[in-house]
Amino acid sequence: MRGGRLWSLIVLALVLGGLVVPILLSAVRRQASSRGFGRGVATSLCSLAHTSTGLSHDDAMAQLEEIQTSFVRTRAVDAEAFLDGVDQVATSLPACRFLGEP
C-alpha cells in the first residue's frame, strides 16, 4: 500500500512539474523578450532622432507610442516589460533621455 502512495506522489509531481515549469518559463521568456523589444525600439528611435533623418524628438515619441500600441494590441509583448526596456535605454544613454519623459 505504501509503495502505491509513493508512486502516486511521484507521478503527481512529474505531471505538475511538466505543466507548471513550462508555464513559468514561458512567462519569464515573454518578459525578457518584451524588454528586449523595448530596448531595440528605443535605441533605434533614439539613433534616428540624432542623425540627419529629420526625426524630431516629438516624432520619435509618437512612433514609440504607435509601436507600443501595435505590439500590445496584438499581444506580441508585455506592455510593462516593453516600457521597462525603453526606460533602461532612456536612463543609460544621456542622448535618449527624452524617451523617458512623459
PDB file of N, CA and C in Angstrom:
ATOM      1  N   MET A   1       0.805  -1.195   0.000  1.00  0.00           N
ATOM      2  CA  MET A   1       0.000   0.000   0.000  1.00  0.00           C
ATOM      3  C   MET A   1       0.853   1.266   0.000  1.00  0.00           C
ATOM      4  N   ARG A   2       1.867   1.280   0.867  1.00  0.00           N
ATOM      5  CA  ARG A   2       2.677   2.491   0.957  1.00  0.00           C
ATOM      6  C   ARG A   2       3.421   2.756  -0.342  1.00  0.00           C
ATOM      7  N   GLY A   3       3.863   1.729  -0.988  1.00  0.00           N
ATOM      8  CA  GLY A   3       4.570   1.891  -2.256  1.00  0.00           C
ATOM      9  C   GLY A   3       3.686   2.516  -3.313  1.00  0.00           C
ATOM     10  N   GLY A   4       2.407   2.187  -3.288  1.00  0.00           N
ATOM     11  CA  GLY A   4       1.456   2.766  -4.238  1.00  0.00           C
ATOM     12  C   GLY A   4       1.288   4.260  -4.033  1.00  0.00           C
ATOM     13  N   ARG A   5       1.285   4.675  -2.788  1.00  0.00           N
ATOM     14  CA  ARG A   5       1.159   6.113  -2.490  1.00  0.00           C
ATOM     15  C   ARG A   5       2.401   6.868  -2.948  1.00  0.00           C
ATOM     16  N   LEU A   6       3.540   6.250  -2.725  1.00  0.00           N
ATOM     17  CA  LEU A   6       4.791   6.886  -3.132  1.00  0.00           C
ATOM     18  C   LEU A   6       4.815   7.090  -4.637  1.00  0.00           C
ATOM     19  N   TRP A   7       4.422   6.060  -5.383  1.00  0.00           N
ATOM     20  CA  TRP A   7       4.396   6.191  -6.834  1.00  0.00           C
ATOM     21  C   TRP A   7       3.363   7.217  -7.278  1.00  0.00           C
ATOM     22  N   SER A   8       2.262   7.274  -6.567  1.00  0.00           N
ATOM     23  CA  SER A   8       1.238   8.281  -6.891  1.00  0.00           C
ATOM     24  C   SER A   8       1.792   9.681  -6.703  1.00  0.00           C
ATOM     25  N   LEU A   9       2.524   9.889  -5.623  1.00  0.00           N
ATOM     26  CA  LEU A   9       3.132  11.200  -5.377  1.00  0.00           C
ATOM     27  C   LEU A   9       4.186  11.530  -6.432  1.00  0.00           C
ATOM     28  N   ILE A  10       4.955  10.538  -6.817  1.00  0.00           N
ATOM     29  CA  ILE A  10       5.979  10.758  -7.844  1.00  0.00           C
ATOM     30  C   ILE A  10       5.329  11.123  -9.170  1.00  0.00           C
ATOM     31  N   VAL A  11       4.296  10.393  -9.551  1.00  0.00           N
ATOM     32  CA  VAL A  11       3.592  10.686 -10.804  1.00  0.00           C
ATOM     33  C   VAL A  11       2.950  12.067 -10.741  1.00  0.00           C
ATOM     34  N   LEU A  12       2.329  12.396  -9.611  1.00  0.00           N
ATOM     35  CA  LEU A  12       1.710  13.713  -9.446  1.00  0.00           C
ATOM     36  C   LEU A  12       2.756  14.821  -9.574  1.00  0.00           C
ATOM     37  N   ALA A  13       3.915  14.634  -8.946  1.00  0.00           N
ATOM     38  CA  ALA A  13       4.985  15.632  -9.026  1.00  0.00           C
ATOM     39  C   ALA A  13       5.476  15.796 -10.459  1.00  0.00           C
ATOM     40  N   LEU A  14       5.615  14.688 -11.171  1.00  0.00           N
ATOM     41  CA  LEU A  14       6.071  14.764 -12.562  1.00  0.00           C
ATOM     42  C   LEU A  14       5.054  15.461 -13.456  1.00  0.00           C
ATOM     43  N   VAL A  15       3.782  15.144 -13.254  1.00  0.00           N
ATOM     44  CA  VAL A  15       2.740  15.767 -14.074  1.00  0.00           C
ATOM     45  C   VAL A  15       2.662  17.260 -13.785  1.00  0.00           C
ATOM     46  N   LEU A  16       2.627  17.627 -12.500  1.00  0.00           N
ATOM     47  CA  LEU A  16       2.562  19.051 -12.161  1.00  0.00           C
ATOM     48  C   LEU A  16       3.820  19.781 -12.618  1.00  0.00           C
ATOM     49  N   GLY A  17       4.974  19.136 -12.452  1.00  0.00           N
ATOM     50  CA  GLY A  17       6.221  19.739 -12.917  1.00  0.00           C
ATOM     51  C   GLY A  17       6.236  19.911 -14.420  1.00  0.00           C
ATOM     52  N   GLY A  18       5.632  18.982 -15.122  1.00  0.00           N
ATOM     53  CA  GLY A  18       5.552  19.072 -16.577  1.00  0.00           C
ATOM     54  C   GLY A  18       4.604  20.149 -17.051  1.00  0.00           C
ATOM     55  N   LEU A  19       3.696  20.578 -16.197  1.00  0.00           N
ATOM     56  CA  LEU A  19       2.760  21.642 -16.563  1.00  0.00           C
ATOM     57  C   LEU A  19       3.190  22.995 -16.027  1.00  0.00           C
ATOM     58  N   VAL A  20       3.587  23.031 -14.772  1.00  0.00           N
ATOM     59  CA  VAL A  20       3.883  24.301 -14.111  1.00  0.00           C
ATOM     60  C   VAL A  20       5.198  24.899 -14.600  1.00  0.00           C
ATOM     61  N   VAL A  21       6.232  24.101 -14.675  1.00  0.00           N
ATOM     62  CA  VAL A  21       7.548  24.615 -15.068  1.00  0.00           C
ATOM     63  C   VAL A  21       7.529  25.240 -16.464  1.00  0.00           C
ATOM     64  N   PRO A  22       6.972  24.592 -17.480  1.00  0.00           N
ATOM     65  CA  PRO A  22       6.934  25.238 -18.800  1.00  0.00           C
ATOM     66  C   PRO A  22       6.123  26.538 -18.813  1.00  0.00           C
ATOM     67  N   ILE A  23       5.052  26.578 -18.046  1.00  0.00           N
ATOM     68  CA  ILE A  23       4.251  27.806 -17.990  1.00  0.00           C
ATOM     69  C   ILE A  23       5.064  28.933 -17.371  1.00  0.00           C
ATOM     70  N   LEU A  24       5.768  28.641 -16.278  1.00  0.00           N
ATOM     71  CA  LEU A  24       6.597  29.666 -15.641  1.00  0.00           C
ATOM     72  C   LEU A  24       7.731  30.117 -16.558  1.00  0.00           C
ATOM     73  N   LEU A  25       8.372  29.172 -17.228  1.00  0.00           N
ATOM     74  CA  LEU A  25       9.451  29.531 -18.148  1.00  0.00           C
ATOM     75  C   LEU A  25       8.934  30.370 -19.311  1.00  0.00           C
ATOM     76  N   SER A  26       7.756  30.064 -19.781  1.00  0.00           N
ATOM     77  CA  SER A  26       7.151  30.838 -20.866  1.00  0.00           C
ATOM     78  C   SER A  26       6.919  32.279 -20.442  1.00  0.00           C
ATOM     79  N   ALA A  27       6.430  32.470 -19.226  1.00  0.00           N
ATOM     80  CA  ALA A  27       6.180  33.827 -18.729  1.00  0.00           C
ATOM     81  C   ALA A  27       7.486  34.603 -18.587  1.00  0.00           C
ATOM     82  N   VAL A  28       8.520  33.954 -18.077  1.00  0.00           N
ATOM     83  CA  VAL A  28       9.819  34.620 -17.913  1.00  0.00           C
ATOM     84  C   VAL A  28      10.399  34.978 -19.271  1.00  0.00           C
ATOM     85  N   ARG A  29      10.298  34.070 -20.232  1.00  0.00           N
ATOM     86  CA  ARG A  29      10.828  34.318 -21.574  1.00  0.00           C
ATOM     87  C   ARG A  29      10.090  35.486 -22.230  1.00  0.00           C
ATOM     88  N   ARG A  30       8.779  35.565 -22.042  1.00  0.00           N
ATOM     89  CA  ARG A  30       7.988  36.651 -22.639  1.00  0.00           C
ATOM     90  C   ARG A  30       8.402  37.996 -22.040  1.00  0.00           C
ATOM     91  N   GLN A  31       8.636  38.029 -20.730  1.00  0.00           N
ATOM     92  CA  GLN A  31       9.084  39.257 -20.085  1.00  0.00           C
ATOM     93  C   GLN A  31      10.425  39.704 -20.667  1.00  0.00           C
ATOM     94  N   ALA A  32      11.344  38.763 -20.803  1.00  0.00           N
ATOM     95  CA  ALA A  32      12.675  39.098 -21.310  1.00  0.00           C
ATOM     96  C   ALA A  32      12.620  39.567 -22.758  1.00  0.00           C
ATOM     97  N   SER A  33      11.848  38.892 -23.590  1.00  0.00           N
ATOM     98  CA  SER A  33      11.788  39.304 -24.995  1.00  0.00           C
ATOM     99  C   SER A  33      11.061  40.637 -25.142  1.00  0.00           C
ATOM    100  N   SER A  34      10.062  40.888 -24.312  1.00  0.00           N
ATOM    101  CA  SER A  34       9.361  42.174 -24.363  1.00  0.00           C
ATOM    102  C   SER A  34      10.297  43.308 -23.978  1.00  0.00           C
ATOM    103  N   ARG A  35      11.113  43.073 -22.944  1.00  0.00           N
ATOM    104  CA  ARG A  35      12.087  44.079 -22.521  1.00  0.00           C
ATOM    105  C   ARG A  35      13.100  44.318 -23.641  1.00  0.00           C
ATOM    106  N   GLY A  36      13.503  43.246 -24.311  1.00  0.00           N
ATOM    107  CA  GLY A  36      14.440  43.368 -25.432  1.00  0.00           C
ATOM    108  C   GLY A  36      13.856  44.146 -26.590  1.00  0.00           C
ATOM    109  N   PHE A  37      12.584  43.906 -26.901  1.00  0.00           N
ATOM    110  CA  PHE A  37      11.918  44.687 -27.948  1.00  0.00           C
ATOM    111  C   PHE A  37      11.901  46.164 -27.569  1.00  0.00           C
ATOM    112  N   GLY A  38      11.591  46.453 -26.315  1.00  0.00           N
ATOM    113  CA  GLY A  38      11.562  47.844 -25.851  1.00  0.00           C
ATOM    114  C   GLY A  38      12.913  48.515 -26.006  1.00  0.00           C
ATOM    115  N   ARG A  39      13.973  47.787 -25.626  1.00  0.00           N
ATOM    116  CA  ARG A  39      15.325  48.341 -25.768  1.00  0.00           C
ATOM    117  C   ARG A  39      15.670  48.583 -27.233  1.00  0.00           C
ATOM    118  N   GLY A  40      15.338  47.632 -28.079  1.00  0.00           N
ATOM    119  CA  GLY A  40      15.658  47.755 -29.503  1.00  0.00           C
ATOM    120  C   GLY A  40      14.935  48.905 -30.170  1.00  0.00           C
ATOM    121  N   VAL A  41      13.651  49.028 -29.887  1.00  0.00           N
ATOM    122  CA  VAL A  41      12.867  50.123 -30.472  1.00  0.00           C
ATOM    123  C   VAL A  41      13.381  51.463 -29.971  1.00  0.00           C
ATOM    124  N   ALA A  42      13.632  51.561 -28.669  1.00  0.00           N
ATOM    125  CA  ALA A  42      14.103  52.824 -28.096  1.00  0.00           C
ATOM    126  C   ALA A  42      15.457  53.220 -28.675  1.00  0.00           C
ATOM    127  N   THR A  43      16.358  52.263 -28.792  1.00  0.00           N
ATOM    128  CA  THR A  43      17.686  52.554 -29.335  1.00  0.00           C
ATOM    129  C   THR A  43      17.596  52.994 -30.792  1.00  0.00           C
ATOM    130  N   SER A  44      16.769  52.322 -31.566  1.00  0.00           N
ATOM    131  CA  SER A  44      16.612  52.685 -32.980  1.00  0.00           C
ATOM    132  C   SER A  44      16.032  54.082 -33.135  1.00  0.00           C
ATOM    133  N   LEU A  45      14.981  54.372 -32.381  1.00  0.00           N
ATOM    134  CA  LEU A  45      14.359  55.697 -32.487  1.00  0.00           C
ATOM    135  C   LEU A  45      15.292  56.788 -31.989  1.00  0.00           C
ATOM    136  N   CYS A  46      16.029  56.504 -30.938  1.00  0.00           N
ATOM    137  CA  CYS A  46      16.988  57.483 -30.424  1.00  0.00           C
ATOM    138  C   CYS A  46      18.069  57.759 -31.469  1.00  0.00           C
ATOM    139  N   SER A  47      18.554  56.712 -32.093  1.00  0.00           N
ATOM    140  CA  SER A  47      19.572  56.862 -33.126  1.00  0.00           C
ATOM    141  C   SER A  47      19.047  57.685 -34.293  1.00  0.00           C
ATOM    142  N   LEU A  48      17.827  57.400 -34.723  1.00  0.00           N
ATOM    143  CA  LEU A  48      17.239  58.155 -35.836  1.00  0.00           C
ATOM    144  C   LEU A  48      17.004  59.616 -35.470  1.00  0.00           C
ATOM    145  N   ALA A  49      16.695  59.870 -34.215  1.00  0.00           N
ATOM    146  CA  ALA A  49      16.437  61.246 -33.787  1.00  0.00           C
ATOM    147  C   ALA A  49      17.722  62.061 -33.692  1.00  0.00           C
ATOM    148  N   HIS A  50      18.866  61.393 -33.647  1.00  0.00           N
ATOM    149  CA  HIS A  50      20.133  62.113 -33.522  1.00  0.00           C
ATOM    150  C   HIS A  50      20.983  62.039 -34.780  1.00  0.00           C
ATOM    151  N   THR A  51      20.383  61.675 -35.883  1.00  0.00           N
ATOM    152  CA  THR A  51      21.096  61.692 -37.160  1.00  0.00           C
ATOM    153  C   THR A  51      20.408  62.706 -38.063  1.00  0.00           C
ATOM    154  N   SER A  52      20.815  62.754 -39.272  1.00  0.00           N
ATOM    155  CA  SER A  52      20.272  63.755 -40.197  1.00  0.00           C
ATOM    156  C   SER A  52      18.980  63.283 -40.870  1.00  0.00           C
ATOM    157  N   THR A  53      18.232  62.398 -40.231  1.00  0.00           N
ATOM    158  CA  THR A  53      16.992  61.899 -40.829  1.00  0.00           C
ATOM    159  C   THR A  53      15.850  62.890 -40.693  1.00  0.00           C
ATOM    160  N   GLY A  54      16.012  63.869 -39.818  1.00  0.00           N
ATOM    161  CA  GLY A  54      14.950  64.859 -39.630  1.00  0.00           C
ATOM    162  C   GLY A  54      13.863  64.401 -38.674  1.00  0.00           C
ATOM    163  N   LEU A  55      14.084  63.307 -37.968  1.00  0.00           N
ATOM    164  CA  LEU A  55      13.105  62.815 -36.997  1.00  0.00           C
ATOM    165  C   LEU A  55      13.266  63.599 -35.697  1.00  0.00           C
ATOM    166  N   SER A  56      12.241  64.355 -35.347  1.00  0.00           N
ATOM    167  CA  SER A  56      12.305  65.146 -34.115  1.00  0.00           C
ATOM    168  C   SER A  56      12.028  64.254 -32.909  1.00  0.00           C
ATOM    169  N   HIS A  57      12.313  64.793 -31.728  1.00  0.00           N
ATOM    170  CA  HIS A  57      12.031  64.048 -30.504  1.00  0.00           C
ATOM    171  C   HIS A  57      10.540  63.755 -30.386  1.00  0.00           C
ATOM    172  N   ASP A  58       9.712  64.723 -30.754  1.00  0.00           N
ATOM    173  CA  ASP A  58       8.258  64.518 -30.694  1.00  0.00           C
ATOM    174  C   ASP A  58       7.817  63.426 -31.662  1.00  0.00           C
ATOM    175  N   ASP A  59       8.395  63.428 -32.861  1.00  0.00           N
ATOM    176  CA  ASP A  59       8.067  62.385 -33.837  1.00  0.00           C
ATOM    177  C   ASP A  59       8.520  61.006 -33.341  1.00  0.00           C
ATOM    178  N   ALA A  60       9.695  60.969 -32.717  1.00  0.00           N
ATOM    179  CA  ALA A  60      10.202  59.701 -32.179  1.00  0.00           C
ATOM    180  C   ALA A  60       9.285  59.186 -31.073  1.00  0.00           C
ATOM    181  N   MET A  61       8.813  60.082 -30.214  1.00  0.00           N
ATOM    182  CA  MET A  61       7.889  59.682 -29.147  1.00  0.00           C
ATOM    183  C   MET A  61       6.573  59.175 -29.731  1.00  0.00           C
ATOM    184  N   ALA A  62       6.093  59.840 -30.774  1.00  0.00           N
ATOM    185  CA  ALA A  62       4.847  59.405 -31.417  1.00  0.00           C
ATOM    186  C   ALA A  62       5.022  58.018 -32.034  1.00  0.00           C
ATOM    187  N   GLN A  63       6.175  57.795 -32.674  1.00  0.00           N
ATOM    188  CA  GLN A  63       6.451  56.482 -33.256  1.00  0.00           C
ATOM    189  C   GLN A  63       6.538  55.409 -32.169  1.00  0.00           C
ATOM    190  N   LEU A  64       7.179  55.758 -31.055  1.00  0.00           N
ATOM    191  CA  LEU A  64       7.294  54.817 -29.941  1.00  0.00           C
ATOM    192  C   LEU A  64       5.913  54.414 -29.428  1.00  0.00           C
ATOM    193  N   GLU A  65       5.043  55.386 -29.276  1.00  0.00           N
ATOM    194  CA  GLU A  65       3.684  55.100 -28.804  1.00  0.00           C
ATOM    195  C   GLU A  65       2.921  54.227 -29.799  1.00  0.00           C
ATOM    196  N   GLU A  66       3.092  54.513 -31.095  1.00  0.00           N
ATOM    197  CA  GLU A  66       2.415  53.708 -32.121  1.00  0.00           C
ATOM    198  C   GLU A  66       2.907  52.264 -32.113  1.00  0.00           C
ATOM    199  N   ILE A  67       4.216  52.101 -32.012  1.00  0.00           N
ATOM    200  CA  ILE A  67       4.786  50.753 -32.000  1.00  0.00           C
ATOM    201  C   ILE A  67       4.329  49.998 -30.758  1.00  0.00           C
ATOM    202  N   GLN A  68       4.379  50.670 -29.618  1.00  0.00           N
ATOM    203  CA  GLN A  68       3.939  50.029 -28.379  1.00  0.00           C
ATOM    204  C   GLN A  68       2.471  49.620 -28.469  1.00  0.00           C
ATOM    205  N   THR A  69       1.630  50.521 -28.956  1.00  0.00           N
ATOM    206  CA  THR A  69       0.202  50.214 -29.088  1.00  0.00           C
ATOM    207  C   THR A  69      -0.014  49.013 -29.998  1.00  0.00           C
ATOM    208  N   SER A  70       0.712  48.985 -31.101  1.00  0.00           N
ATOM    209  CA  SER A  70       0.578  47.875 -32.047  1.00  0.00           C
ATOM    210  C   SER A  70       1.016  46.556 -31.424  1.00  0.00           C
ATOM    211  N   PHE A  71       2.169  46.555 -30.763  1.00  0.00           N
ATOM    212  CA  PHE A  71       2.670  45.338 -30.127  1.00  0.00           C
ATOM    213  C   PHE A  71       1.733  44.848 -29.034  1.00  0.00           C
ATOM    214  N   VAL A  72       1.233  45.778 -28.222  1.00  0.00           N
ATOM    215  CA  VAL A  72       0.362  45.394 -27.113  1.00  0.00           C
ATOM    216  C   VAL A  72      -0.986  44.908 -27.633  1.00  0.00           C
ATOM    217  N   ARG A  73      -1.512  45.580 -28.645  1.00  0.00           N
ATOM    218  CA  ARG A  73      -2.809  45.189 -29.203  1.00  0.00           C
ATOM    219  C   ARG A  73      -2.765  43.769 -29.763  1.00  0.00           C
ATOM    220  N   THR A  74      -1.665  43.424 -30.401  1.00  0.00           N
ATOM    221  CA  THR A  74      -1.539  42.075 -30.969  1.00  0.00           C
ATOM    222  C   THR A  74      -1.008  41.069 -29.945  1.00  0.00           C
ATOM    223  N   ARG A  75      -0.767  41.539 -28.738  1.00  0.00           N
ATOM    224  CA  ARG A  75      -0.248  40.715 -27.634  1.00  0.00           C
ATOM    225  C   ARG A  75       1.112  40.109 -27.954  1.00  0.00           C
ATOM    226  N   ALA A  76       1.870  40.823 -28.757  1.00  0.00           N
ATOM    227  CA  ALA A  76       3.212  40.354 -29.097  1.00  0.00           C
ATOM    228  C   ALA A  76       4.181  40.576 -27.944  1.00  0.00           C
ATOM    229  N   VAL A  77       3.905  41.586 -27.122  1.00  0.00           N
ATOM    230  CA  VAL A  77       4.776  41.888 -25.991  1.00  0.00           C
ATOM    231  C   VAL A  77       3.939  42.194 -24.761  1.00  0.00           C
ATOM    232  N   ASP A  78       4.607  42.128 -23.625  1.00  0.00           N
ATOM    233  CA  ASP A  78       4.015  42.549 -22.370  1.00  0.00           C
ATOM    234  C   ASP A  78       4.271  44.049 -22.239  1.00  0.00           C
ATOM    235  N   ALA A  79       3.232  44.841 -22.033  1.00  0.00           N
ATOM    236  CA  ALA A  79       3.349  46.303 -22.040  1.00  0.00           C
ATOM    237  C   ALA A  79       4.319  46.814 -20.980  1.00  0.00           C
ATOM    238  N   GLU A  80       4.237  46.287 -19.764  1.00  0.00           N
ATOM    239  CA  GLU A  80       5.113  46.754 -18.689  1.00  0.00           C
ATOM    240  C   GLU A  80       6.571  46.447 -18.982  1.00  0.00           C
ATOM    241  N   ALA A  81       6.837  45.248 -19.432  1.00  0.00           N
ATOM    242  CA  ALA A  81       8.213  44.857 -19.735  1.00  0.00           C
ATOM    243  C   ALA A  81       8.756  45.665 -20.911  1.00  0.00           C
ATOM    244  N   PHE A  82       7.922  45.934 -21.909  1.00  0.00           N
ATOM    245  CA  PHE A  82       8.326  46.761 -23.050  1.00  0.00           C
ATOM    246  C   PHE A  82       8.759  48.139 -22.557  1.00  0.00           C
ATOM    247  N   LEU A  83       7.938  48.753 -21.694  1.00  0.00           N
ATOM    248  CA  LEU A  83       8.270  50.079 -21.159  1.00  0.00           C
ATOM    249  C   LEU A  83       9.503  50.034 -20.265  1.00  0.00           C
ATOM    250  N   ASP A  84       9.712  48.925 -19.552  1.00  0.00           N
ATOM    251  CA  ASP A  84      10.936  48.774 -18.763  1.00  0.00           C
ATOM    252  C   ASP A  84      12.166  48.816 -19.668  1.00  0.00           C
ATOM    253  N   GLY A  85      12.084  48.160 -20.812  1.00  0.00           N
ATOM    254  CA  GLY A  85      13.195  48.184 -21.765  1.00  0.00           C
ATOM    255  C   GLY A  85      13.459  49.575 -22.299  1.00  0.00           C
ATOM    256  N   VAL A  86      12.387  50.305 -22.610  1.00  0.00           N
ATOM    257  CA  VAL A  86      12.527  51.688 -23.079  1.00  0.00           C
ATOM    258  C   VAL A  86      13.157  52.537 -21.979  1.00  0.00           C
ATOM    259  N   ASP A  87      12.701  52.369 -20.752  1.00  0.00           N
ATOM    260  CA  ASP A  87      13.241  53.143 -19.631  1.00  0.00           C
ATOM    261  C   ASP A  87      14.714  52.834 -19.383  1.00  0.00           C
ATOM    262  N   GLN A  88      15.119  51.584 -19.582  1.00  0.00           N
ATOM    263  CA  GLN A  88      16.526  51.225 -19.416  1.00  0.00           C
ATOM    264  C   GLN A  88      17.399  52.000 -20.392  1.00  0.00           C
ATOM    265  N   VAL A  89      16.946  52.120 -21.627  1.00  0.00           N
ATOM    266  CA  VAL A  89      17.701  52.881 -22.628  1.00  0.00           C
ATOM    267  C   VAL A  89      17.694  54.361 -22.270  1.00  0.00           C
ATOM    268  N   ALA A  90      16.542  54.871 -21.871  1.00  0.00           N
ATOM    269  CA  ALA A  90      16.419  56.298 -21.553  1.00  0.00           C
ATOM    270  C   ALA A  90      17.298  56.690 -20.367  1.00  0.00           C
ATOM    271  N   THR A  91      17.459  55.812 -19.404  1.00  0.00           N
ATOM    272  CA  THR A  91      18.279  56.153 -18.241  1.00  0.00           C
ATOM    273  C   THR A  91      19.764  55.887 -18.465  1.00  0.00           C
ATOM    274  N   SER A  92      20.096  54.942 -19.328  1.00  0.00           N
ATOM    275  CA  SER A  92      21.509  54.612 -19.507  1.00  0.00           C
ATOM    276  C   SER A  92      22.202  55.433 -20.593  1.00  0.00           C
ATOM    277  N   LEU A  93      21.446  55.977 -21.532  1.00  0.00           N
ATOM    278  CA  LEU A  93      22.049  56.786 -22.595  1.00  0.00           C
ATOM    279  C   LEU A  93      21.557  58.230 -22.477  1.00  0.00           C
ATOM    280  N   PRO A  94      22.445  59.146 -22.125  1.00  0.00           N
ATOM    281  CA  PRO A  94      22.020  60.537 -21.930  1.00  0.00           C
ATOM    282  C   PRO A  94      21.314  61.141 -23.144  1.00  0.00           C
ATOM    283  N   ALA A  95      21.726  60.779 -24.345  1.00  0.00           N
ATOM    284  CA  ALA A  95      21.104  61.342 -25.547  1.00  0.00           C
ATOM    285  C   ALA A  95      19.679  60.834 -25.749  1.00  0.00           C
ATOM    286  N   CYS A  96      19.321  59.775 -25.042  1.00  0.00           N
ATOM    287  CA  CYS A  96      17.989  59.169 -25.216  1.00  0.00           C
ATOM    288  C   CYS A  96      17.044  59.478 -24.060  1.00  0.00           C
ATOM    289  N   ARG A  97      17.427  60.377 -23.210  1.00  0.00           N
ATOM    290  CA  ARG A  97      16.592  60.679 -22.033  1.00  0.00           C
ATOM    291  C   ARG A  97      15.199  61.158 -22.410  1.00  0.00           C
ATOM    292  N   PHE A  98      15.065  61.759 -23.573  1.00  0.00           N
ATOM    293  CA  PHE A  98      13.752  62.259 -23.989  1.00  0.00           C
ATOM    294  C   PHE A  98      12.730  61.131 -24.110  1.00  0.00           C
ATOM    295  N   LEU A  99      13.194  59.891 -24.309  1.00  0.00           N
ATOM    296  CA  LEU A  99      12.276  58.756 -24.423  1.00  0.00           C
ATOM    297  C   LEU A  99      11.633  58.398 -23.087  1.00  0.00           C
ATOM    298  N   GLY A 100      12.259  58.794 -22.004  1.00  0.00           N
ATOM    299  CA  GLY A 100      11.721  58.502 -20.680  1.00  0.00           C
ATOM    300  C   GLY A 100      10.821  59.584 -20.139  1.00  0.00           C
ATOM    301  N   GLU A 101      10.696  60.674 -20.873  1.00  0.00           N
ATOM    302  CA  GLU A 101       9.850  61.774 -20.410  1.00  0.00           C
ATOM    303  C   GLU A 101       8.386  61.465 -20.714  1.00  0.00           C
ATOM    304  N   PRO A 102       7.497  61.911 -19.827  1.00  0.00           N
ATOM    305  CA  PRO A 102       6.063  61.648 -20.066  1.00  0.00           C
ATOM    306  C   PRO A 102       5.499  62.396 -21.246  1.00  0.00           C
TER     307      PRO A 102
END
